[in-house]
ModelCIF file with pLDDT and N, C-alpha, C, O atoms, coordinates in Angstrom:
data_MODEL
#
_entry.id   MODEL 
#
_entity.id                         1 
_entity.type                       polymer 
_entity.pdbx_number_of_molecules   1 
#
_entity_poly.entity_id                      1 
_entity_poly.type                           'polypeptide(L)' 
_entity_poly.nstd_linkage                   no 
_entity_poly.nstd_monomer                   no 
_entity_poly.pdbx_seq_one_letter_code       SVFISIFSLNNNLIINVLTQVRYFAIKRTVGMSLKQLLFSIICEGVII 
_entity_poly.pdbx_seq_one_letter_code_can   SVFISIFSLNNNLIINVLTQVRYFAIKRTVGMSLKQLLFSIICEGVII 
_entity_poly.pdbx_strand_id                 A 
#
loop_
_entity_poly_seq.entity_id 
_entity_poly_seq.num 
_entity_poly_seq.mon_id 
_entity_poly_seq.hetero 
1 1  SER n 
1 2  VAL n 
1 3  PHE n 
1 4  ILE n 
1 5  SER n 
1 6  ILE n 
1 7  PHE n 
1 8  SER n 
1 9  LEU n 
1 10 ASN n 
1 11 ASN n 
1 12 ASN n 
1 13 LEU n 
1 14 ILE n 
1 15 ILE n 
1 16 ASN n 
1 17 VAL n 
1 18 LEU n 
1 19 THR n 
1 20 GLN n 
1 21 VAL n 
1 22 ARG n 
1 23 TYR n 
1 24 PHE n 
1 25 ALA n 
1 26 ILE n 
1 27 LYS n 
1 28 ARG n 
1 29 THR n 
1 30 VAL n 
1 31 GLY n 
1 32 MET n 
1 33 SER n 
1 34 LEU n 
1 35 LYS n 
1 36 GLN n 
1 37 LEU n 
1 38 LEU n 
1 39 PHE n 
1 40 SER n 
1 41 ILE n 
1 42 ILE n 
1 43 CYS n 
1 44 GLU n 
1 45 GLY n 
1 46 VAL n 
1 47 ILE n 
1 48 ILE n 
#
_struct_asym.id          A 
_struct_asym.entity_id   1 
#
loop_
_ma_qa_metric.id 
_ma_qa_metric.mode 
_ma_qa_metric.name 
_ma_qa_metric.software_group_id 
_ma_qa_metric.type 
1 global pLDDT . pLDDT 
2 local  pLDDT . pLDDT 
#
_ma_qa_metric_global.metric_id      1 
_ma_qa_metric_global.metric_value   87.48 
_ma_qa_metric_global.model_id       1 
_ma_qa_metric_global.ordinal_id     1 
#
loop_
_ma_qa_metric_local.label_asym_id 
_ma_qa_metric_local.label_comp_id 
_ma_qa_metric_local.label_seq_id 
_ma_qa_metric_local.metric_id 
_ma_qa_metric_local.metric_value 
_ma_qa_metric_local.model_id 
_ma_qa_metric_local.ordinal_id 
A SER 1  2 80.00 1 1  
A VAL 2  2 77.00 1 2  
A PHE 3  2 81.00 1 3  
A ILE 4  2 85.00 1 4  
A SER 5  2 80.00 1 5  
A ILE 6  2 81.00 1 6  
A PHE 7  2 85.00 1 7  
A SER 8  2 85.00 1 8  
A LEU 9  2 82.00 1 9  
A ASN 10 2 83.00 1 10 
A ASN 11 2 87.00 1 11 
A ASN 12 2 86.00 1 12 
A LEU 13 2 84.00 1 13 
A ILE 14 2 85.00 1 14 
A ILE 15 2 88.00 1 15 
A ASN 16 2 86.00 1 16 
A VAL 17 2 83.00 1 17 
A LEU 18 2 82.00 1 18 
A THR 19 2 86.00 1 19 
A GLN 20 2 86.00 1 20 
A VAL 21 2 86.00 1 21 
A ARG 22 2 86.00 1 22 
A TYR 23 2 87.00 1 23 
A PHE 24 2 87.00 1 24 
A ALA 25 2 87.00 1 25 
A ILE 26 2 88.00 1 26 
A LYS 27 2 88.00 1 27 
A ARG 28 2 87.00 1 28 
A THR 29 2 88.00 1 29 
A VAL 30 2 90.00 1 30 
A GLY 31 2 89.00 1 31 
A MET 32 2 89.00 1 32 
A SER 33 2 91.00 1 33 
A LEU 34 2 90.00 1 34 
A LYS 35 2 93.00 1 35 
A GLN 36 2 93.00 1 36 
A LEU 37 2 91.00 1 37 
A LEU 38 2 92.00 1 38 
A PHE 39 2 94.00 1 39 
A SER 40 2 92.00 1 40 
A ILE 41 2 91.00 1 41 
A ILE 42 2 93.00 1 42 
A CYS 43 2 94.00 1 43 
A GLU 44 2 91.00 1 44 
A GLY 45 2 91.00 1 45 
A VAL 46 2 94.00 1 46 
A ILE 47 2 94.00 1 47 
A ILE 48 2 91.00 1 48 
#
loop_
_atom_site.group_PDB 
_atom_site.id 
_atom_site.type_symbol 
_atom_site.label_atom_id 
_atom_site.label_alt_id 
_atom_site.label_comp_id 
_atom_site.label_asym_id 
_atom_site.label_entity_id 
_atom_site.label_seq_id 
_atom_site.pdbx_PDB_ins_code 
_atom_site.Cartn_x 
_atom_site.Cartn_y 
_atom_site.Cartn_z 
_atom_site.occupancy 
_atom_site.B_iso_or_equiv 
_atom_site.pdbx_formal_charge 
_atom_site.auth_seq_id 
_atom_site.auth_comp_id 
_atom_site.auth_asym_id 
_atom_site.auth_atom_id 
_atom_site.pdbx_PDB_model_num 
ATOM 1   N N  . SER A 1 1  ? -23.448 -15.924 -10.187 1.00 80.00 ? 1  SER A N  1 
ATOM 2   C CA . SER A 1 1  ? -22.471 -16.199 -11.242 1.00 80.00 ? 1  SER A CA 1 
ATOM 3   C C  . SER A 1 1  ? -21.077 -15.669 -10.864 1.00 80.00 ? 1  SER A C  1 
ATOM 4   O O  . SER A 1 1  ? -20.071 -16.263 -11.254 1.00 80.00 ? 1  SER A O  1 
ATOM 5   N N  . VAL A 1 2  ? -21.007 -14.574 -10.118 1.00 77.00 ? 2  VAL A N  1 
ATOM 6   C CA . VAL A 1 2  ? -19.726 -14.063 -9.680  1.00 77.00 ? 2  VAL A CA 1 
ATOM 7   C C  . VAL A 1 2  ? -19.074 -15.035 -8.682  1.00 77.00 ? 2  VAL A C  1 
ATOM 8   O O  . VAL A 1 2  ? -17.875 -15.301 -8.764  1.00 77.00 ? 2  VAL A O  1 
ATOM 9   N N  . PHE A 1 3  ? -19.861 -15.553 -7.756  1.00 81.00 ? 3  PHE A N  1 
ATOM 10  C CA . PHE A 1 3  ? -19.286 -16.509 -6.795  1.00 81.00 ? 3  PHE A CA 1 
ATOM 11  C C  . PHE A 1 3  ? -18.855 -17.789 -7.485  1.00 81.00 ? 3  PHE A C  1 
ATOM 12  O O  . PHE A 1 3  ? -17.821 -18.360 -7.136  1.00 81.00 ? 3  PHE A O  1 
ATOM 13  N N  . ILE A 1 4  ? -19.624 -18.248 -8.453  1.00 85.00 ? 4  ILE A N  1 
ATOM 14  C CA . ILE A 1 4  ? -19.237 -19.452 -9.204  1.00 85.00 ? 4  ILE A CA 1 
ATOM 15  C C  . ILE A 1 4  ? -17.956 -19.188 -9.980  1.00 85.00 ? 4  ILE A C  1 
ATOM 16  O O  . ILE A 1 4  ? -17.085 -20.056 -10.036 1.00 85.00 ? 4  ILE A O  1 
ATOM 17  N N  . SER A 1 5  ? -17.823 -18.023 -10.572 1.00 80.00 ? 5  SER A N  1 
ATOM 18  C CA . SER A 1 5  ? -16.609 -17.735 -11.349 1.00 80.00 ? 5  SER A CA 1 
ATOM 19  C C  . SER A 1 5  ? -15.385 -17.595 -10.455 1.00 80.00 ? 5  SER A C  1 
ATOM 20  O O  . SER A 1 5  ? -14.287 -17.999 -10.839 1.00 80.00 ? 5  SER A O  1 
ATOM 21  N N  . ILE A 1 6  ? -15.564 -17.022 -9.261  1.00 81.00 ? 6  ILE A N  1 
ATOM 22  C CA . ILE A 1 6  ? -14.450 -16.917 -8.323  1.00 81.00 ? 6  ILE A CA 1 
ATOM 23  C C  . ILE A 1 6  ? -13.989 -18.301 -7.894  1.00 81.00 ? 6  ILE A C  1 
ATOM 24  O O  . ILE A 1 6  ? -12.795 -18.596 -7.867  1.00 81.00 ? 6  ILE A O  1 
ATOM 25  N N  . PHE A 1 7  ? -14.967 -19.146 -7.557  1.00 85.00 ? 7  PHE A N  1 
ATOM 26  C CA . PHE A 1 7  ? -14.637 -20.516 -7.167  1.00 85.00 ? 7  PHE A CA 1 
ATOM 27  C C  . PHE A 1 7  ? -13.961 -21.271 -8.304  1.00 85.00 ? 7  PHE A C  1 
ATOM 28  O O  . PHE A 1 7  ? -12.984 -21.988 -8.085  1.00 85.00 ? 7  PHE A O  1 
ATOM 29  N N  . SER A 1 8  ? -14.483 -21.110 -9.522  1.00 85.00 ? 8  SER A N  1 
ATOM 30  C CA . SER A 1 8  ? -13.916 -21.795 -10.665 1.00 85.00 ? 8  SER A CA 1 
ATOM 31  C C  . SER A 1 8  ? -12.500 -21.311 -10.993 1.00 85.00 ? 8  SER A C  1 
ATOM 32  O O  . SER A 1 8  ? -11.616 -22.115 -11.289 1.00 85.00 ? 8  SER A O  1 
ATOM 33  N N  . LEU A 1 9  ? -12.297 -20.010 -10.938 1.00 82.00 ? 9  LEU A N  1 
ATOM 34  C CA . LEU A 1 9  ? -10.958 -19.463 -11.195 1.00 82.00 ? 9  LEU A CA 1 
ATOM 35  C C  . LEU A 1 9  ? -9.963  -19.966 -10.147 1.00 82.00 ? 9  LEU A C  1 
ATOM 36  O O  . LEU A 1 9  ? -8.850  -20.369 -10.487 1.00 82.00 ? 9  LEU A O  1 
ATOM 37  N N  . ASN A 1 10 ? -10.363 -19.942 -8.884  1.00 83.00 ? 10 ASN A N  1 
ATOM 38  C CA . ASN A 1 10 ? -9.502  -20.427 -7.812  1.00 83.00 ? 10 ASN A CA 1 
ATOM 39  C C  . ASN A 1 10 ? -9.161  -21.883 -8.011  1.00 83.00 ? 10 ASN A C  1 
ATOM 40  O O  . ASN A 1 10 ? -8.001  -22.276 -7.890  1.00 83.00 ? 10 ASN A O  1 
ATOM 41  N N  . ASN A 1 11 ? -10.179 -22.702 -8.323  1.00 87.00 ? 11 ASN A N  1 
ATOM 42  C CA . ASN A 1 11 ? -9.992  -24.138 -8.529  1.00 87.00 ? 11 ASN A CA 1 
ATOM 43  C C  . ASN A 1 11 ? -9.074  -24.407 -9.739  1.00 87.00 ? 11 ASN A C  1 
ATOM 44  O O  . ASN A 1 11 ? -8.172  -25.241 -9.655  1.00 87.00 ? 11 ASN A O  1 
ATOM 45  N N  . ASN A 1 12 ? -9.298  -23.722 -10.830 1.00 86.00 ? 12 ASN A N  1 
ATOM 46  C CA . ASN A 1 12 ? -8.476  -23.908 -12.013 1.00 86.00 ? 12 ASN A CA 1 
ATOM 47  C C  . ASN A 1 12 ? -7.032  -23.538 -11.757 1.00 86.00 ? 12 ASN A C  1 
ATOM 48  O O  . ASN A 1 12 ? -6.123  -24.229 -12.217 1.00 86.00 ? 12 ASN A O  1 
ATOM 49  N N  . LEU A 1 13 ? -6.809  -22.463 -11.032 1.00 84.00 ? 13 LEU A N  1 
ATOM 50  C CA . LEU A 1 13 ? -5.466  -22.043 -10.731 1.00 84.00 ? 13 LEU A CA 1 
ATOM 51  C C  . LEU A 1 13 ? -4.757  -23.041 -9.816  1.00 84.00 ? 13 LEU A C  1 
ATOM 52  O O  . LEU A 1 13 ? -3.583  -23.349 -10.022 1.00 84.00 ? 13 LEU A O  1 
ATOM 53  N N  . ILE A 1 14 ? -5.460  -23.541 -8.816  1.00 85.00 ? 14 ILE A N  1 
ATOM 54  C CA . ILE A 1 14 ? -4.880  -24.551 -7.911  1.00 85.00 ? 14 ILE A CA 1 
ATOM 55  C C  . ILE A 1 14 ? -4.510  -25.788 -8.680  1.00 85.00 ? 14 ILE A C  1 
ATOM 56  O O  . ILE A 1 14 ? -3.402  -26.301 -8.528  1.00 85.00 ? 14 ILE A O  1 
ATOM 57  N N  . ILE A 1 15 ? -5.429  -26.289 -9.521  1.00 88.00 ? 15 ILE A N  1 
ATOM 58  C CA . ILE A 1 15 ? -5.141  -27.488 -10.305 1.00 88.00 ? 15 ILE A CA 1 
ATOM 59  C C  . ILE A 1 15 ? -3.967  -27.264 -11.251 1.00 88.00 ? 15 ILE A C  1 
ATOM 60  O O  . ILE A 1 15 ? -3.087  -28.114 -11.386 1.00 88.00 ? 15 ILE A O  1 
ATOM 61  N N  . ASN A 1 16 ? -3.971  -26.129 -11.890 1.00 86.00 ? 16 ASN A N  1 
ATOM 62  C CA . ASN A 1 16 ? -2.898  -25.800 -12.869 1.00 86.00 ? 16 ASN A CA 1 
ATOM 63  C C  . ASN A 1 16 ? -1.523  -25.762 -12.189 1.00 86.00 ? 16 ASN A C  1 
ATOM 64  O O  . ASN A 1 16 ? -0.542  -26.283 -12.720 1.00 86.00 ? 16 ASN A O  1 
ATOM 65  N N  . VAL A 1 17 ? -1.470  -25.145 -11.023 1.00 83.00 ? 17 VAL A N  1 
ATOM 66  C CA . VAL A 1 17 ? -0.189  -25.036 -10.324 1.00 83.00 ? 17 VAL A CA 1 
ATOM 67  C C  . VAL A 1 17 ? 0.244   -26.350 -9.720  1.00 83.00 ? 17 VAL A C  1 
ATOM 68  O O  . VAL A 1 17 ? 1.423   -26.700 -9.782  1.00 83.00 ? 17 VAL A O  1 
ATOM 69  N N  . LEU A 1 18 ? -0.686  -27.086 -9.134  1.00 82.00 ? 18 LEU A N  1 
ATOM 70  C CA . LEU A 1 18 ? -0.340  -28.352 -8.488  1.00 82.00 ? 18 LEU A CA 1 
ATOM 71  C C  . LEU A 1 18 ? 0.024   -29.443 -9.475  1.00 82.00 ? 18 LEU A C  1 
ATOM 72  O O  . LEU A 1 18 ? 0.706   -30.402 -9.113  1.00 82.00 ? 18 LEU A O  1 
ATOM 73  N N  . THR A 1 19 ? -0.423  -29.310 -10.727 1.00 86.00 ? 19 THR A N  1 
ATOM 74  C CA . THR A 1 19 ? 0.035   -30.295 -11.731 1.00 86.00 ? 19 THR A CA 1 
ATOM 75  C C  . THR A 1 19 ? 1.446   -29.996 -12.186 1.00 86.00 ? 19 THR A C  1 
ATOM 76  O O  . THR A 1 19 ? 2.068   -30.833 -12.841 1.00 86.00 ? 19 THR A O  1 
ATOM 77  N N  . GLN A 1 20 ? 1.966   -28.834 -11.860 1.00 86.00 ? 20 GLN A N  1 
ATOM 78  C CA . GLN A 1 20 ? 3.333   -28.474 -12.232 1.00 86.00 ? 20 GLN A CA 1 
ATOM 79  C C  . GLN A 1 20 ? 4.295   -28.553 -11.057 1.00 86.00 ? 20 GLN A C  1 
ATOM 80  O O  . GLN A 1 20 ? 5.323   -27.875 -11.057 1.00 86.00 ? 20 GLN A O  1 
ATOM 81  N N  . VAL A 1 21 ? 3.981   -29.363 -10.062 1.00 86.00 ? 21 VAL A N  1 
ATOM 82  C CA . VAL A 1 21 ? 4.796   -29.466 -8.856  1.00 86.00 ? 21 VAL A CA 1 
ATOM 83  C C  . VAL A 1 21 ? 6.219   -29.893 -9.230  1.00 86.00 ? 21 VAL A C  1 
ATOM 84  O O  . VAL A 1 21 ? 7.194   -29.304 -8.763  1.00 86.00 ? 21 VAL A O  1 
ATOM 85  N N  . ARG A 1 22 ? 6.323   -30.894 -10.052 1.00 86.00 ? 22 ARG A N  1 
ATOM 86  C CA . ARG A 1 22 ? 7.641   -31.398 -10.439 1.00 86.00 ? 22 ARG A CA 1 
ATOM 87  C C  . ARG A 1 22 ? 8.441   -30.313 -11.187 1.00 86.00 ? 22 ARG A C  1 
ATOM 88  O O  . ARG A 1 22 ? 9.639   -30.141 -10.961 1.00 86.00 ? 22 ARG A O  1 
ATOM 89  N N  . TYR A 1 23 ? 7.774   -29.617 -12.048 1.00 87.00 ? 23 TYR A N  1 
ATOM 90  C CA . TYR A 1 23 ? 8.402   -28.514 -12.813 1.00 87.00 ? 23 TYR A CA 1 
ATOM 91  C C  . TYR A 1 23 ? 8.954   -27.443 -11.864 1.00 87.00 ? 23 TYR A C  1 
ATOM 92  O O  . TYR A 1 23 ? 10.093  -27.001 -12.013 1.00 87.00 ? 23 TYR A O  1 
ATOM 93  N N  . PHE A 1 24 ? 8.136   -27.031 -10.889 1.00 87.00 ? 24 PHE A N  1 
ATOM 94  C CA . PHE A 1 24 ? 8.578   -26.019 -9.933  1.00 87.00 ? 24 PHE A CA 1 
ATOM 95  C C  . PHE A 1 24 ? 9.696   -26.561 -9.030  1.00 87.00 ? 24 PHE A C  1 
ATOM 96  O O  . PHE A 1 24 ? 10.601  -25.816 -8.653  1.00 87.00 ? 24 PHE A O  1 
ATOM 97  N N  . ALA A 1 25 ? 9.638   -27.831 -8.690  1.00 87.00 ? 25 ALA A N  1 
ATOM 98  C CA . ALA A 1 25 ? 10.697  -28.407 -7.850  1.00 87.00 ? 25 ALA A CA 1 
ATOM 99  C C  . ALA A 1 25 ? 12.012  -28.428 -8.581  1.00 87.00 ? 25 ALA A C  1 
ATOM 100 O O  . ALA A 1 25 ? 13.051  -28.150 -7.982  1.00 87.00 ? 25 ALA A O  1 
ATOM 101 N N  . ILE A 1 26 ? 12.002  -28.754 -9.880  1.00 88.00 ? 26 ILE A N  1 
ATOM 102 C CA . ILE A 1 26 ? 13.234  -28.746 -10.671 1.00 88.00 ? 26 ILE A CA 1 
ATOM 103 C C  . ILE A 1 26 ? 13.789  -27.316 -10.770 1.00 88.00 ? 26 ILE A C  1 
ATOM 104 O O  . ILE A 1 26 ? 14.995  -27.100 -10.652 1.00 88.00 ? 26 ILE A O  1 
ATOM 105 N N  . LYS A 1 27 ? 12.914  -26.371 -10.982 1.00 88.00 ? 27 LYS A N  1 
ATOM 106 C CA . LYS A 1 27 ? 13.351  -24.962 -10.997 1.00 88.00 ? 27 LYS A CA 1 
ATOM 107 C C  . LYS A 1 27 ? 13.969  -24.543 -9.684  1.00 88.00 ? 27 LYS A C  1 
ATOM 108 O O  . LYS A 1 27 ? 14.955  -23.807 -9.651  1.00 88.00 ? 27 LYS A O  1 
ATOM 109 N N  . ARG A 1 28 ? 13.374  -25.024 -8.593  1.00 87.00 ? 28 ARG A N  1 
ATOM 110 C CA . ARG A 1 28 ? 13.905  -24.649 -7.254  1.00 87.00 ? 28 ARG A CA 1 
ATOM 111 C C  . ARG A 1 28 ? 15.318  -25.274 -7.041  1.00 87.00 ? 28 ARG A C  1 
ATOM 112 O O  . ARG A 1 28 ? 16.178  -24.647 -6.423  1.00 87.00 ? 28 ARG A O  1 
ATOM 113 N N  . THR A 1 29 ? 15.548  -26.486 -7.546  1.00 88.00 ? 29 THR A N  1 
ATOM 114 C CA . THR A 1 29 ? 16.866  -27.098 -7.392  1.00 88.00 ? 29 THR A CA 1 
ATOM 115 C C  . THR A 1 29 ? 17.902  -26.375 -8.251  1.00 88.00 ? 29 THR A C  1 
ATOM 116 O O  . THR A 1 29 ? 19.076  -26.332 -7.883  1.00 88.00 ? 29 THR A O  1 
ATOM 117 N N  . VAL A 1 30 ? 17.501  -25.819 -9.363  1.00 90.00 ? 30 VAL A N  1 
ATOM 118 C CA . VAL A 1 30 ? 18.428  -25.090 -10.237 1.00 90.00 ? 30 VAL A CA 1 
ATOM 119 C C  . VAL A 1 30 ? 18.782  -23.741 -9.654  1.00 90.00 ? 30 VAL A C  1 
ATOM 120 O O  . VAL A 1 30 ? 19.812  -23.165 -10.000 1.00 90.00 ? 30 VAL A O  1 
ATOM 121 N N  . GLY A 1 31 ? 17.922  -23.220 -8.753  1.00 89.00 ? 31 GLY A N  1 
ATOM 122 C CA . GLY A 1 31 ? 18.280  -21.962 -8.106  1.00 89.00 ? 31 GLY A CA 1 
ATOM 123 C C  . GLY A 1 31 ? 17.167  -20.921 -8.078  1.00 89.00 ? 31 GLY A C  1 
ATOM 124 O O  . GLY A 1 31 ? 17.425  -19.759 -7.766  1.00 89.00 ? 31 GLY A O  1 
ATOM 125 N N  . MET A 1 32 ? 15.957  -21.305 -8.391  1.00 89.00 ? 32 MET A N  1 
ATOM 126 C CA . MET A 1 32 ? 14.843  -20.364 -8.362  1.00 89.00 ? 32 MET A CA 1 
ATOM 127 C C  . MET A 1 32 ? 14.534  -20.051 -6.885  1.00 89.00 ? 32 MET A C  1 
ATOM 128 O O  . MET A 1 32 ? 14.373  -20.959 -6.069  1.00 89.00 ? 32 MET A O  1 
ATOM 129 N N  . SER A 1 33 ? 14.456  -18.787 -6.569  1.00 91.00 ? 33 SER A N  1 
ATOM 130 C CA . SER A 1 33 ? 14.134  -18.403 -5.184  1.00 91.00 ? 33 SER A CA 1 
ATOM 131 C C  . SER A 1 33 ? 12.629  -18.457 -4.958  1.00 91.00 ? 33 SER A C  1 
ATOM 132 O O  . SER A 1 33 ? 11.841  -18.554 -5.899  1.00 91.00 ? 33 SER A O  1 
ATOM 133 N N  . LEU A 1 34 ? 12.260  -18.391 -3.701  1.00 90.00 ? 34 LEU A N  1 
ATOM 134 C CA . LEU A 1 34 ? 10.825  -18.381 -3.344  1.00 90.00 ? 34 LEU A CA 1 
ATOM 135 C C  . LEU A 1 34 ? 10.161  -17.138 -3.898  1.00 90.00 ? 34 LEU A C  1 
ATOM 136 O O  . LEU A 1 34 ? 8.995   -17.176 -4.292  1.00 90.00 ? 34 LEU A O  1 
ATOM 137 N N  . LYS A 1 35 ? 10.892  -16.040 -3.932  1.00 93.00 ? 35 LYS A N  1 
ATOM 138 C CA . LYS A 1 35 ? 10.353  -14.787 -4.478  1.00 93.00 ? 35 LYS A CA 1 
ATOM 139 C C  . LYS A 1 35 ? 10.047  -14.933 -5.972  1.00 93.00 ? 35 LYS A C  1 
ATOM 140 O O  . LYS A 1 35 ? 9.011   -14.470 -6.450  1.00 93.00 ? 35 LYS A O  1 
ATOM 141 N N  . GLN A 1 36 ? 10.957  -15.578 -6.699  1.00 93.00 ? 36 GLN A N  1 
ATOM 142 C CA . GLN A 1 36 ? 10.728  -15.793 -8.123  1.00 93.00 ? 36 GLN A CA 1 
ATOM 143 C C  . GLN A 1 36 ? 9.567   -16.782 -8.355  1.00 93.00 ? 36 GLN A C  1 
ATOM 144 O O  . GLN A 1 36 ? 8.791   -16.633 -9.299  1.00 93.00 ? 36 GLN A O  1 
ATOM 145 N N  . LEU A 1 37 ? 9.471   -17.764 -7.499  1.00 91.00 ? 37 LEU A N  1 
ATOM 146 C CA . LEU A 1 37 ? 8.378   -18.724 -7.573  1.00 91.00 ? 37 LEU A CA 1 
ATOM 147 C C  . LEU A 1 37 ? 7.050   -18.037 -7.326  1.00 91.00 ? 37 LEU A C  1 
ATOM 148 O O  . LEU A 1 37 ? 6.076   -18.291 -8.034  1.00 91.00 ? 37 LEU A O  1 
ATOM 149 N N  . LEU A 1 38 ? 7.004   -17.169 -6.325  1.00 92.00 ? 38 LEU A N  1 
ATOM 150 C CA . LEU A 1 38 ? 5.799   -16.389 -6.043  1.00 92.00 ? 38 LEU A CA 1 
ATOM 151 C C  . LEU A 1 38 ? 5.442   -15.519 -7.225  1.00 92.00 ? 38 LEU A C  1 
ATOM 152 O O  . LEU A 1 38 ? 4.278   -15.460 -7.622  1.00 92.00 ? 38 LEU A O  1 
ATOM 153 N N  . PHE A 1 39 ? 6.419   -14.847 -7.791  1.00 94.00 ? 39 PHE A N  1 
ATOM 154 C CA . PHE A 1 39 ? 6.180   -13.986 -8.940  1.00 94.00 ? 39 PHE A CA 1 
ATOM 155 C C  . PHE A 1 39 ? 5.634   -14.785 -10.124 1.00 94.00 ? 39 PHE A C  1 
ATOM 156 O O  . PHE A 1 39 ? 4.741   -14.323 -10.834 1.00 94.00 ? 39 PHE A O  1 
ATOM 157 N N  . SER A 1 40 ? 6.173   -15.976 -10.331 1.00 92.00 ? 40 SER A N  1 
ATOM 158 C CA . SER A 1 40 ? 5.737   -16.814 -11.460 1.00 92.00 ? 40 SER A CA 1 
ATOM 159 C C  . SER A 1 40 ? 4.298   -17.252 -11.273 1.00 92.00 ? 40 SER A C  1 
ATOM 160 O O  . SER A 1 40 ? 3.517   -17.230 -12.224 1.00 92.00 ? 40 SER A O  1 
ATOM 161 N N  . ILE A 1 41 ? 3.937   -17.648 -10.065 1.00 91.00 ? 41 ILE A N  1 
ATOM 162 C CA . ILE A 1 41 ? 2.598   -18.141 -9.813  1.00 91.00 ? 41 ILE A CA 1 
ATOM 163 C C  . ILE A 1 41 ? 1.582   -16.980 -9.853  1.00 91.00 ? 41 ILE A C  1 
ATOM 164 O O  . ILE A 1 41 ? 0.478   -17.131 -10.377 1.00 91.00 ? 41 ILE A O  1 
ATOM 165 N N  . ILE A 1 42 ? 1.972   -15.825 -9.293  1.00 93.00 ? 42 ILE A N  1 
ATOM 166 C CA . ILE A 1 42 ? 1.095   -14.655 -9.312  1.00 93.00 ? 42 ILE A CA 1 
ATOM 167 C C  . ILE A 1 42 ? 0.890   -14.175 -10.753 1.00 93.00 ? 42 ILE A C  1 
ATOM 168 O O  . ILE A 1 42 ? -0.221  -13.791 -11.121 1.00 93.00 ? 42 ILE A O  1 
ATOM 169 N N  . CYS A 1 43 ? 1.944   -14.193 -11.569 1.00 94.00 ? 43 CYS A N  1 
ATOM 170 C CA . CYS A 1 43 ? 1.759   -13.783 -12.987 1.00 94.00 ? 43 CYS A CA 1 
ATOM 171 C C  . CYS A 1 43 ? 0.806   -14.729 -13.686 1.00 94.00 ? 43 CYS A C  1 
ATOM 172 O O  . CYS A 1 43 ? -0.001  -14.291 -14.506 1.00 94.00 ? 43 CYS A O  1 
ATOM 173 N N  . GLU A 1 44 ? 0.878   -16.014 -13.384 1.00 91.00 ? 44 GLU A N  1 
ATOM 174 C CA . GLU A 1 44 ? -0.035  -16.970 -13.990 1.00 91.00 ? 44 GLU A CA 1 
ATOM 175 C C  . GLU A 1 44 ? -1.493  -16.664 -13.548 1.00 91.00 ? 44 GLU A C  1 
ATOM 176 O O  . GLU A 1 44 ? -2.412  -16.696 -14.366 1.00 91.00 ? 44 GLU A O  1 
ATOM 177 N N  . GLY A 1 45 ? -1.678  -16.375 -12.268 1.00 91.00 ? 45 GLY A N  1 
ATOM 178 C CA . GLY A 1 45 ? -3.029  -16.035 -11.804 1.00 91.00 ? 45 GLY A CA 1 
ATOM 179 C C  . GLY A 1 45 ? -3.549  -14.764 -12.376 1.00 91.00 ? 45 GLY A C  1 
ATOM 180 O O  . GLY A 1 45 ? -4.735  -14.684 -12.696 1.00 91.00 ? 45 GLY A O  1 
ATOM 181 N N  . VAL A 1 46 ? -2.714  -13.749 -12.525 1.00 94.00 ? 46 VAL A N  1 
ATOM 182 C CA . VAL A 1 46 ? -3.159  -12.455 -13.101 1.00 94.00 ? 46 VAL A CA 1 
ATOM 183 C C  . VAL A 1 46 ? -3.510  -12.648 -14.581 1.00 94.00 ? 46 VAL A C  1 
ATOM 184 O O  . VAL A 1 46 ? -4.483  -12.066 -15.063 1.00 94.00 ? 46 VAL A O  1 
ATOM 185 N N  . ILE A 1 47 ? -2.740  -13.446 -15.296 1.00 94.00 ? 47 ILE A N  1 
ATOM 186 C CA . ILE A 1 47 ? -3.022  -13.680 -16.721 1.00 94.00 ? 47 ILE A CA 1 
ATOM 187 C C  . ILE A 1 47 ? -4.308  -14.463 -16.884 1.00 94.00 ? 47 ILE A C  1 
ATOM 188 O O  . ILE A 1 47 ? -5.117  -14.158 -17.760 1.00 94.00 ? 47 ILE A O  1 
ATOM 189 N N  . ILE A 1 48 ? -4.504  -15.475 -16.042 1.00 91.00 ? 48 ILE A N  1 
ATOM 190 C CA . ILE A 1 48 ? -5.773  -16.225 -16.111 1.00 91.00 ? 48 ILE A CA 1 
ATOM 191 C C  . ILE A 1 48 ? -6.949  -15.327 -15.772 1.00 91.00 ? 48 ILE A C  1 
ATOM 192 O O  . ILE A 1 48 ? -8.093  -15.779 -15.778 1.00 91.00 ? 48 ILE A O  1 
#
């Protein structure tokens, strides 16, 4: 069950982030740095 939950969490996070590609691209054009992008994605993973 732990391995299934790790796989499921990883898969859900990948799907969640990759569905927001356009959103992150727009943020990057406005001036979001890679560090801020990393922080945003890591915060989402920690919250999930």
